[in-house]
Amino acid sequence: MSMSNGLITIVTIPTRISSITKTLIDNILTSKSQNIRTYVLRTNILDNFSVLLSRQVNKKRKSH
C-alpha cells in the first residue's frame, strides 16, 4: 500500500532481535529519501532497539 502511494521505507534492518527471530517492527515512511539517514541503536535495555533519524536541511539564503 505504501509503495503504491509513492512512499518508501527508510529503516531496512531488524529493530527487534530475539534468540530465534529478527523482525523489523519500526517503520519510517517518506516520499523523499534524499538527505535522510537512519541509525538503529542496539541496546540491552529494551526488547527492541531505538531508531534515530537524521535529516540534513539546506536553508535557502534570501537575496538582498
Protein backbone atom coordinates (compact mmCIF):
# COMPACT_ATOMS: atom_id res chain seq x y z
CA MET A 1 0.00 0.00 0.00
CA SER A 2 2.73 2.49 0.86
CA MET A 3 4.65 1.87 -2.36
CA SER A 4 1.51 2.48 -4.41
CA ASN A 5 1.23 5.89 -2.72
CA GLY A 6 4.83 6.79 -3.61
CA LEU A 7 6.22 6.13 -0.14
CA ILE A 8 9.36 4.16 0.63
CA THR A 9 10.57 2.71 3.90
CA ILE A 10 13.74 4.16 5.37
CA VAL A 11 14.54 1.56 8.07
CA THR A 12 15.63 -1.67 6.41
CA ILE A 13 17.29 -3.72 9.16
CA PRO A 14 15.67 -5.58 12.08
CA THR A 15 14.81 -3.47 15.12
CA ARG A 16 13.93 -6.40 17.35
CA ILE A 17 16.14 -9.44 17.68
CA SER A 18 15.45 -12.42 19.90
CA SER A 19 17.28 -15.71 20.19
CA ILE A 20 15.23 -17.17 17.32
CA THR A 21 13.81 -14.25 15.30
CA LYS A 22 14.80 -10.98 13.70
CA THR A 23 11.94 -8.56 13.00
CA LEU A 24 11.59 -5.08 11.57
CA ILE A 25 8.91 -3.52 13.79
CA ASP A 26 9.70 0.18 13.37
CA ASN A 27 8.73 1.91 10.14
CA ILE A 28 9.58 5.34 8.86
CA LEU A 29 7.99 6.15 5.51
CA THR A 30 8.83 9.07 3.22
CA SER A 31 8.29 10.22 -0.31
CA LYS A 32 11.70 11.94 -0.44
CA SER A 33 14.62 9.93 0.90
CA GLN A 34 17.45 12.27 -0.06
CA ASN A 35 19.40 13.79 2.84
CA ILE A 36 17.86 11.30 5.29
CA ARG A 37 19.87 8.79 7.31
CA THR A 38 18.60 6.35 9.89
CA TYR A 39 20.51 4.58 12.63
CA VAL A 40 19.43 1.60 14.71
CA LEU A 41 20.79 1.92 18.24
CA ARG A 42 21.33 -1.54 19.65
CA THR A 43 20.98 -1.74 23.42
CA ASN A 44 20.12 -4.35 26.03
CA ILE A 45 17.76 -2.03 27.90
CA LEU A 46 14.58 -2.77 25.93
CA ASP A 47 13.33 -5.74 23.93
CA ASN A 48 13.58 -3.66 20.76
CA PHE A 49 16.17 -1.19 19.51
CA SER A 50 15.77 2.56 19.15
CA VAL A 51 15.71 4.23 15.75
CA LEU A 52 17.31 7.61 15.15
CA LEU A 53 16.56 9.69 12.06
CA SER A 54 18.85 12.45 10.83
CA ARG A 55 17.85 14.84 8.07
CA GLN A 56 20.07 17.50 6.53
CA VAL A 57 18.20 20.69 5.81
CA ASN A 58 19.67 23.26 3.47
CA LYS A 59 18.47 26.77 4.22
CA LYS A 60 17.90 28.98 1.24
CA ARG A 61 19.54 32.36 1.62
CA LYS A 62 17.49 35.43 0.97
CA SER A 63 18.98 37.60 -1.72
CA HIS A 64 19.25 41.27 -0.89
